[in-house]
Amino acid sequence: MSIENTIRKIMETDLFVETPADQIDLDGSLRNVYGLDSLGFVELRVQCEDQFGVQISDEDFTPEAFQSVRTVADLVRRLQGVAA
């Protein structure tokens, strides 16, 4: 499963986003479109760390990095040392 699809699944099953995983737009705003609040962003951070074996530092935990599924996936790839 791709990083993007795993993040979508996390959003559906762990963050209880109303949109089915297969309909979550890669570039949709996590806050404005999918309704993540500050607690949701923290949970997404923790889930990404667990699922992908990365450590997301406070410096990387920014609104820009957590803008959309695509930006989170790009961050995970960078932290894994894989080119986006």
PDB file of N, CA and C in Angstrom:
ATOM      1  N   MET A   1       0.847  -1.182   0.000  1.00  0.00           N
ATOM      2  CA  MET A   1       0.000   0.000   0.000  1.00  0.00           C
ATOM      3  C   MET A   1       0.890   1.244   0.000  1.00  0.00           C
ATOM      4  N   SER A   2       0.525   2.223  -0.810  1.00  0.00           N
ATOM      5  CA  SER A   2       1.320   3.447  -0.898  1.00  0.00           C
ATOM      6  C   SER A   2       1.201   4.263   0.393  1.00  0.00           C
ATOM      7  N   ILE A   3       2.145   5.155   0.585  1.00  0.00           N
ATOM      8  CA  ILE A   3       2.112   6.038   1.755  1.00  0.00           C
ATOM      9  C   ILE A   3       0.818   6.843   1.757  1.00  0.00           C
ATOM     10  N   GLU A   4       0.444   7.374   0.592  1.00  0.00           N
ATOM     11  CA  GLU A   4      -0.785   8.180   0.505  1.00  0.00           C
ATOM     12  C   GLU A   4      -2.010   7.358   0.920  1.00  0.00           C
ATOM     13  N   ASN A   5      -2.106   6.130   0.429  1.00  0.00           N
ATOM     14  CA  ASN A   5      -3.270   5.298   0.768  1.00  0.00           C
ATOM     15  C   ASN A   5      -3.276   4.911   2.240  1.00  0.00           C
ATOM     16  N   THR A   6      -2.114   4.695   2.807  1.00  0.00           N
ATOM     17  CA  THR A   6      -2.038   4.399   4.240  1.00  0.00           C
ATOM     18  C   THR A   6      -2.510   5.603   5.054  1.00  0.00           C
ATOM     19  N   ILE A   7      -2.090   6.806   4.670  1.00  0.00           N
ATOM     20  CA  ILE A   7      -2.529   8.020   5.374  1.00  0.00           C
ATOM     21  C   ILE A   7      -4.043   8.178   5.238  1.00  0.00           C
ATOM     22  N   ARG A   8      -4.576   7.940   4.048  1.00  0.00           N
ATOM     23  CA  ARG A   8      -6.031   8.009   3.858  1.00  0.00           C
ATOM     24  C   ARG A   8      -6.746   7.037   4.795  1.00  0.00           C
ATOM     25  N   LYS A   9      -6.213   5.828   4.911  1.00  0.00           N
ATOM     26  CA  LYS A   9      -6.831   4.813   5.775  1.00  0.00           C
ATOM     27  C   LYS A   9      -6.766   5.250   7.236  1.00  0.00           C
ATOM     28  N   ILE A  10      -5.626   5.816   7.640  1.00  0.00           N
ATOM     29  CA  ILE A  10      -5.495   6.341   9.007  1.00  0.00           C
ATOM     30  C   ILE A  10      -6.567   7.397   9.255  1.00  0.00           C
ATOM     31  N   MET A  11      -6.760   8.283   8.287  1.00  0.00           N
ATOM     32  CA  MET A  11      -7.757   9.346   8.444  1.00  0.00           C
ATOM     33  C   MET A  11      -9.152   8.761   8.630  1.00  0.00           C
ATOM     34  N   GLU A  12      -9.470   7.727   7.870  1.00  0.00           N
ATOM     35  CA  GLU A  12     -10.808   7.135   7.946  1.00  0.00           C
ATOM     36  C   GLU A  12     -10.995   6.330   9.227  1.00  0.00           C
ATOM     37  N   THR A  13     -10.034   5.488   9.581  1.00  0.00           N
ATOM     38  CA  THR A  13     -10.240   4.554  10.689  1.00  0.00           C
ATOM     39  C   THR A  13      -9.828   5.104  12.050  1.00  0.00           C
ATOM     40  N   ASP A  14      -8.762   5.909  12.102  1.00  0.00           N
ATOM     41  CA  ASP A  14      -8.262   6.392  13.386  1.00  0.00           C
ATOM     42  C   ASP A  14      -8.678   7.826  13.707  1.00  0.00           C
ATOM     43  N   LEU A  15      -8.853   8.637  12.666  1.00  0.00           N
ATOM     44  CA  LEU A  15      -9.221  10.033  12.892  1.00  0.00           C
ATOM     45  C   LEU A  15     -10.704  10.277  12.633  1.00  0.00           C
ATOM     46  N   PHE A  16     -11.393   9.239  12.181  1.00  0.00           N
ATOM     47  CA  PHE A  16     -12.839   9.269  11.967  1.00  0.00           C
ATOM     48  C   PHE A  16     -13.305  10.372  11.026  1.00  0.00           C
ATOM     49  N   VAL A  17     -12.507  10.600   9.979  1.00  0.00           N
ATOM     50  CA  VAL A  17     -12.912  11.539   8.935  1.00  0.00           C
ATOM     51  C   VAL A  17     -14.120  10.923   8.229  1.00  0.00           C
ATOM     52  N   GLU A  18     -15.122  11.729   7.949  1.00  0.00           N
ATOM     53  CA  GLU A  18     -16.370  11.245   7.366  1.00  0.00           C
ATOM     54  C   GLU A  18     -16.228  10.714   5.946  1.00  0.00           C
ATOM     55  N   THR A  19     -15.235  11.192   5.221  1.00  0.00           N
ATOM     56  CA  THR A  19     -15.039  10.807   3.822  1.00  0.00           C
ATOM     57  C   THR A  19     -14.381   9.433   3.740  1.00  0.00           C
ATOM     58  N   PRO A  20     -14.919   8.528   2.905  1.00  0.00           N
ATOM     59  CA  PRO A  20     -14.258   7.227   2.726  1.00  0.00           C
ATOM     60  C   PRO A  20     -12.829   7.408   2.211  1.00  0.00           C
ATOM     61  N   ALA A  21     -11.931   6.524   2.646  1.00  0.00           N
ATOM     62  CA  ALA A  21     -10.504   6.644   2.312  1.00  0.00           C
ATOM     63  C   ALA A  21     -10.275   6.790   0.819  1.00  0.00           C
ATOM     64  N   ASP A  22     -11.004   6.019   0.008  1.00  0.00           N
ATOM     65  CA  ASP A  22     -10.758   6.059  -1.438  1.00  0.00           C
ATOM     66  C   ASP A  22     -11.271   7.333  -2.096  1.00  0.00           C
ATOM     67  N   GLN A  23     -11.960   8.176  -1.336  1.00  0.00           N
ATOM     68  CA  GLN A  23     -12.457   9.442  -1.884  1.00  0.00           C
ATOM     69  C   GLN A  23     -11.741  10.660  -1.308  1.00  0.00           C
ATOM     70  N   ILE A  24     -10.744  10.438  -0.462  1.00  0.00           N
ATOM     71  CA  ILE A  24      -9.993  11.550   0.121  1.00  0.00           C
ATOM     72  C   ILE A  24      -9.016  12.075  -0.933  1.00  0.00           C
ATOM     73  N   ASP A  25      -9.142  13.356  -1.246  1.00  0.00           N
ATOM     74  CA  ASP A  25      -8.305  14.017  -2.256  1.00  0.00           C
ATOM     75  C   ASP A  25      -6.902  14.238  -1.686  1.00  0.00           C
ATOM     76  N   LEU A  26      -5.897  13.898  -2.467  1.00  0.00           N
ATOM     77  CA  LEU A  26      -4.508  14.042  -2.017  1.00  0.00           C
ATOM     78  C   LEU A  26      -4.148  15.485  -1.686  1.00  0.00           C
ATOM     79  N   ASP A  27      -4.798  16.443  -2.341  1.00  0.00           N
ATOM     80  CA  ASP A  27      -4.449  17.850  -2.149  1.00  0.00           C
ATOM     81  C   ASP A  27      -5.496  18.625  -1.341  1.00  0.00           C
ATOM     82  N   GLY A  28      -6.508  17.948  -0.843  1.00  0.00           N
ATOM     83  CA  GLY A  28      -7.522  18.615  -0.022  1.00  0.00           C
ATOM     84  C   GLY A  28      -6.935  19.018   1.326  1.00  0.00           C
ATOM     85  N   SER A  29      -7.321  20.180   1.809  1.00  0.00           N
ATOM     86  CA  SER A  29      -6.824  20.681   3.090  1.00  0.00           C
ATOM     87  C   SER A  29      -7.288  19.778   4.232  1.00  0.00           C
ATOM     88  N   LEU A  30      -6.323  19.292   5.017  1.00  0.00           N
ATOM     89  CA  LEU A  30      -6.686  18.431   6.142  1.00  0.00           C
ATOM     90  C   LEU A  30      -7.547  19.180   7.150  1.00  0.00           C
ATOM     91  N   ARG A  31      -7.290  20.462   7.319  1.00  0.00           N
ATOM     92  CA  ARG A  31      -8.070  21.260   8.274  1.00  0.00           C
ATOM     93  C   ARG A  31      -9.399  21.714   7.666  1.00  0.00           C
ATOM     94  N   ASN A  32      -9.349  22.362   6.516  1.00  0.00           N
ATOM     95  CA  ASN A  32     -10.539  22.996   5.964  1.00  0.00           C
ATOM     96  C   ASN A  32     -11.492  22.037   5.260  1.00  0.00           C
ATOM     97  N   VAL A  33     -10.962  21.013   4.608  1.00  0.00           N
ATOM     98  CA  VAL A  33     -11.818  20.082   3.871  1.00  0.00           C
ATOM     99  C   VAL A  33     -12.215  18.893   4.741  1.00  0.00           C
ATOM    100  N   TYR A  34     -11.248  18.363   5.496  1.00  0.00           N
ATOM    101  CA  TYR A  34     -11.511  17.131   6.252  1.00  0.00           C
ATOM    102  C   TYR A  34     -11.703  17.348   7.744  1.00  0.00           C
ATOM    103  N   GLY A  35     -11.593  18.592   8.197  1.00  0.00           N
ATOM    104  CA  GLY A  35     -11.981  18.954   9.548  1.00  0.00           C
ATOM    105  C   GLY A  35     -11.047  18.534  10.666  1.00  0.00           C
ATOM    106  N   LEU A  36      -9.773  18.264  10.346  1.00  0.00           N
ATOM    107  CA  LEU A  36      -8.857  17.915  11.423  1.00  0.00           C
ATOM    108  C   LEU A  36      -8.639  19.120  12.324  1.00  0.00           C
ATOM    109  N   ASP A  37      -8.659  18.873  13.631  1.00  0.00           N
ATOM    110  CA  ASP A  37      -8.363  19.920  14.600  1.00  0.00           C
ATOM    111  C   ASP A  37      -6.980  19.638  15.178  1.00  0.00           C
ATOM    112  N   SER A  38      -6.565  20.403  16.163  1.00  0.00           N
ATOM    113  CA  SER A  38      -5.207  20.252  16.694  1.00  0.00           C
ATOM    114  C   SER A  38      -4.964  18.847  17.225  1.00  0.00           C
ATOM    115  N   LEU A  39      -5.937  18.265  17.878  1.00  0.00           N
ATOM    116  CA  LEU A  39      -5.796  16.902  18.379  1.00  0.00           C
ATOM    117  C   LEU A  39      -5.681  15.907  17.225  1.00  0.00           C
ATOM    118  N   GLY A  40      -6.435  16.132  16.164  1.00  0.00           N
ATOM    119  CA  GLY A  40      -6.363  15.280  14.982  1.00  0.00           C
ATOM    120  C   GLY A  40      -4.994  15.310  14.333  1.00  0.00           C
ATOM    121  N   PHE A  41      -4.389  16.488  14.294  1.00  0.00           N
ATOM    122  CA  PHE A  41      -3.046  16.598  13.716  1.00  0.00           C
ATOM    123  C   PHE A  41      -2.015  15.859  14.567  1.00  0.00           C
ATOM    124  N   VAL A  42      -2.148  15.956  15.880  1.00  0.00           N
ATOM    125  CA  VAL A  42      -1.229  15.235  16.770  1.00  0.00           C
ATOM    126  C   VAL A  42      -1.401  13.730  16.579  1.00  0.00           C
ATOM    127  N   GLU A  43      -2.635  13.272  16.497  1.00  0.00           N
ATOM    128  CA  GLU A  43      -2.902  11.848  16.281  1.00  0.00           C
ATOM    129  C   GLU A  43      -2.352  11.384  14.933  1.00  0.00           C
ATOM    130  N   LEU A  44      -2.503  12.204  13.898  1.00  0.00           N
ATOM    131  CA  LEU A  44      -1.959  11.845  12.584  1.00  0.00           C
ATOM    132  C   LEU A  44      -0.442  11.743  12.657  1.00  0.00           C
ATOM    133  N   ARG A  45       0.179  12.656  13.374  1.00  0.00           N
ATOM    134  CA  ARG A  45       1.636  12.605  13.558  1.00  0.00           C
ATOM    135  C   ARG A  45       2.051  11.292  14.209  1.00  0.00           C
ATOM    136  N   VAL A  46       1.396  10.933  15.302  1.00  0.00           N
ATOM    137  CA  VAL A  46       1.725   9.703  16.029  1.00  0.00           C
ATOM    138  C   VAL A  46       1.492   8.472  15.157  1.00  0.00           C
ATOM    139  N   GLN A  47       0.370   8.449  14.451  1.00  0.00           N
ATOM    140  CA  GLN A  47       0.061   7.308  13.587  1.00  0.00           C
ATOM    141  C   GLN A  47       1.085   7.171  12.466  1.00  0.00           C
ATOM    142  N   CYS A  48       1.509   8.287  11.883  1.00  0.00           N
ATOM    143  CA  CYS A  48       2.525   8.240  10.826  1.00  0.00           C
ATOM    144  C   CYS A  48       3.855   7.734  11.379  1.00  0.00           C
ATOM    145  N   GLU A  49       4.211   8.191  12.564  1.00  0.00           N
ATOM    146  CA  GLU A  49       5.448   7.707  13.171  1.00  0.00           C
ATOM    147  C   GLU A  49       5.389   6.197  13.375  1.00  0.00           C
ATOM    148  N   ASP A  50       4.276   5.706  13.875  1.00  0.00           N
ATOM    149  CA  ASP A  50       4.111   4.267  14.123  1.00  0.00           C
ATOM    150  C   ASP A  50       4.076   3.465  12.829  1.00  0.00           C
ATOM    151  N   GLN A  51       3.271   3.917  11.880  1.00  0.00           N
ATOM    152  CA  GLN A  51       3.066   3.161  10.638  1.00  0.00           C
ATOM    153  C   GLN A  51       4.294   3.130   9.745  1.00  0.00           C
ATOM    154  N   PHE A  52       5.030   4.235   9.710  1.00  0.00           N
ATOM    155  CA  PHE A  52       6.122   4.359   8.740  1.00  0.00           C
ATOM    156  C   PHE A  52       7.510   4.289   9.370  1.00  0.00           C
ATOM    157  N   GLY A  53       7.582   4.144  10.691  1.00  0.00           N
ATOM    158  CA  GLY A  53       8.868   4.015  11.355  1.00  0.00           C
ATOM    159  C   GLY A  53       9.740   5.252  11.255  1.00  0.00           C
ATOM    160  N   VAL A  54       9.108   6.422  11.338  1.00  0.00           N
ATOM    161  CA  VAL A  54       9.850   7.681  11.289  1.00  0.00           C
ATOM    162  C   VAL A  54       9.630   8.449  12.587  1.00  0.00           C
ATOM    163  N   GLN A  55      10.495   9.418  12.824  1.00  0.00           N
ATOM    164  CA  GLN A  55      10.342  10.321  13.960  1.00  0.00           C
ATOM    165  C   GLN A  55      10.096  11.712  13.392  1.00  0.00           C
ATOM    166  N   ILE A  56       8.930  12.276  13.651  1.00  0.00           N
ATOM    167  CA  ILE A  56       8.603  13.608  13.146  1.00  0.00           C
ATOM    168  C   ILE A  56       8.941  14.623  14.237  1.00  0.00           C
ATOM    169  N   SER A  57       9.976  15.394  13.993  1.00  0.00           N
ATOM    170  CA  SER A  57      10.434  16.382  14.976  1.00  0.00           C
ATOM    171  C   SER A  57       9.457  17.549  15.041  1.00  0.00           C
ATOM    172  N   ASP A  58       9.582  18.327  16.093  1.00  0.00           N
ATOM    173  CA  ASP A  58       8.746  19.523  16.212  1.00  0.00           C
ATOM    174  C   ASP A  58       9.010  20.480  15.050  1.00  0.00           C
ATOM    175  N   GLU A  59      10.251  20.505  14.542  1.00  0.00           N
ATOM    176  CA  GLU A  59      10.585  21.371  13.411  1.00  0.00           C
ATOM    177  C   GLU A  59       9.871  20.923  12.137  1.00  0.00           C
ATOM    178  N   ASP A  60       9.633  19.614  12.013  1.00  0.00           N
ATOM    179  CA  ASP A  60       8.934  19.082  10.835  1.00  0.00           C
ATOM    180  C   ASP A  60       7.416  19.095  10.990  1.00  0.00           C
ATOM    181  N   PHE A  61       6.940  19.246  12.216  1.00  0.00           N
ATOM    182  CA  PHE A  61       5.504  19.217  12.497  1.00  0.00           C
ATOM    183  C   PHE A  61       4.937  20.621  12.307  1.00  0.00           C
ATOM    184  N   THR A  62       4.821  21.017  11.021  1.00  0.00           N
ATOM    185  CA  THR A  62       4.404  22.371  10.677  1.00  0.00           C
ATOM    186  C   THR A  62       3.084  22.348   9.906  1.00  0.00           C
ATOM    187  N   PRO A  63       2.390  23.469   9.876  1.00  0.00           N
ATOM    188  CA  PRO A  63       1.156  23.531   9.074  1.00  0.00           C
ATOM    189  C   PRO A  63       1.417  23.229   7.603  1.00  0.00           C
ATOM    190  N   GLU A  64       2.583  23.647   7.095  1.00  0.00           N
ATOM    191  CA  GLU A  64       2.901  23.387   5.690  1.00  0.00           C
ATOM    192  C   GLU A  64       3.084  21.892   5.428  1.00  0.00           C
ATOM    193  N   ALA A  65       3.753  21.201   6.323  1.00  0.00           N
ATOM    194  CA  ALA A  65       4.001  19.766   6.150  1.00  0.00           C
ATOM    195  C   ALA A  65       2.728  18.947   6.338  1.00  0.00           C
ATOM    196  N   PHE A  66       1.780  19.473   7.105  1.00  0.00           N
ATOM    197  CA  PHE A  66       0.531  18.761   7.376  1.00  0.00           C
ATOM    198  C   PHE A  66      -0.656  19.449   6.712  1.00  0.00           C
ATOM    199  N   GLN A  67      -0.416  20.000   5.533  1.00  0.00           N
ATOM    200  CA  GLN A  67      -1.451  20.687   4.767  1.00  0.00           C
ATOM    201  C   GLN A  67      -2.424  19.716   4.122  1.00  0.00           C
ATOM    202  N   SER A  68      -1.880  18.625   3.548  1.00  0.00           N
ATOM    203  CA  SER A  68      -2.705  17.675   2.785  1.00  0.00           C
ATOM    204  C   SER A  68      -2.087  16.284   2.895  1.00  0.00           C
ATOM    205  N   VAL A  69      -2.798  15.303   2.393  1.00  0.00           N
ATOM    206  CA  VAL A  69      -2.257  13.942   2.364  1.00  0.00           C
ATOM    207  C   VAL A  69      -0.934  13.935   1.597  1.00  0.00           C
ATOM    208  N   ARG A  70      -0.888  14.656   0.486  1.00  0.00           N
ATOM    209  CA  ARG A  70       0.332  14.676  -0.332  1.00  0.00           C
ATOM    210  C   ARG A  70       1.518  15.267   0.436  1.00  0.00           C
ATOM    211  N   THR A  71       1.317  16.366   1.167  1.00  0.00           N
ATOM    212  CA  THR A  71       2.439  16.982   1.877  1.00  0.00           C
ATOM    213  C   THR A  71       2.907  16.105   3.034  1.00  0.00           C
ATOM    214  N   VAL A  72       1.991  15.417   3.698  1.00  0.00           N
ATOM    215  CA  VAL A  72       2.378  14.492   4.770  1.00  0.00           C
ATOM    216  C   VAL A  72       3.169  13.324   4.175  1.00  0.00           C
ATOM    217  N   ALA A  73       2.703  12.788   3.052  1.00  0.00           N
ATOM    218  CA  ALA A  73       3.405  11.679   2.394  1.00  0.00           C
ATOM    219  C   ALA A  73       4.805  12.116   1.958  1.00  0.00           C
ATOM    220  N   ASP A  74       4.932  13.330   1.446  1.00  0.00           N
ATOM    221  CA  ASP A  74       6.246  13.849   1.049  1.00  0.00           C
ATOM    222  C   ASP A  74       7.174  13.946   2.256  1.00  0.00           C
ATOM    223  N   LEU A  75       6.642  14.399   3.391  1.00  0.00           N
ATOM    224  CA  LEU A  75       7.430  14.476   4.621  1.00  0.00           C
ATOM    225  C   LEU A  75       7.892  13.086   5.045  1.00  0.00           C
ATOM    226  N   VAL A  76       6.991  12.124   5.029  1.00  0.00           N
ATOM    227  CA  VAL A  76       7.347  10.751   5.417  1.00  0.00           C
ATOM    228  C   VAL A  76       8.444  10.217   4.510  1.00  0.00           C
ATOM    229  N   ARG A  77       8.299  10.422   3.205  1.00  0.00           N
ATOM    230  CA  ARG A  77       9.328   9.961   2.265  1.00  0.00           C
ATOM    231  C   ARG A  77      10.688  10.607   2.561  1.00  0.00           C
ATOM    232  N   ARG A  78      10.662  11.904   2.837  1.00  0.00           N
ATOM    233  CA  ARG A  78      11.915  12.606   3.134  1.00  0.00           C
ATOM    234  C   ARG A  78      12.542  12.024   4.398  1.00  0.00           C
ATOM    235  N   LEU A  79      11.729  11.783   5.413  1.00  0.00           N
ATOM    236  CA  LEU A  79      12.249  11.240   6.667  1.00  0.00           C
ATOM    237  C   LEU A  79      12.731   9.804   6.507  1.00  0.00           C
ATOM    238  N   GLN A  80      12.145   9.081   5.585  1.00  0.00           N
ATOM    239  CA  GLN A  80      12.601   7.718   5.300  1.00  0.00           C
ATOM    240  C   GLN A  80      13.815   7.707   4.395  1.00  0.00           C
ATOM    241  N   GLY A  81      14.167   8.864   3.836  1.00  0.00           N
ATOM    242  CA  GLY A  81      15.306   8.950   2.947  1.00  0.00           C
ATOM    243  C   GLY A  81      14.995   8.498   1.542  1.00  0.00           C
ATOM    244  N   VAL A  82      13.710   8.535   1.178  1.00  0.00           N
ATOM    245  CA  VAL A  82      13.263   8.106  -0.151  1.00  0.00           C
ATOM    246  C   VAL A  82      12.872   9.363  -0.924  1.00  0.00           C
ATOM    247  N   ALA A  83      13.291   9.452  -2.166  1.00  0.00           N
ATOM    248  CA  ALA A  83      12.946  10.605  -2.995  1.00  0.00           C
ATOM    249  C   ALA A  83      11.450  10.625  -3.258  1.00  0.00           C
ATOM    250  N   ALA A  84      10.874  11.812  -3.253  1.00  0.00           N
ATOM    251  CA  ALA A  84       9.422  11.948  -3.480  1.00  0.00           C
ATOM    252  C   ALA A  84       9.077  11.758  -4.943  1.00  0.00           C
TER     253      ALA A  84
END
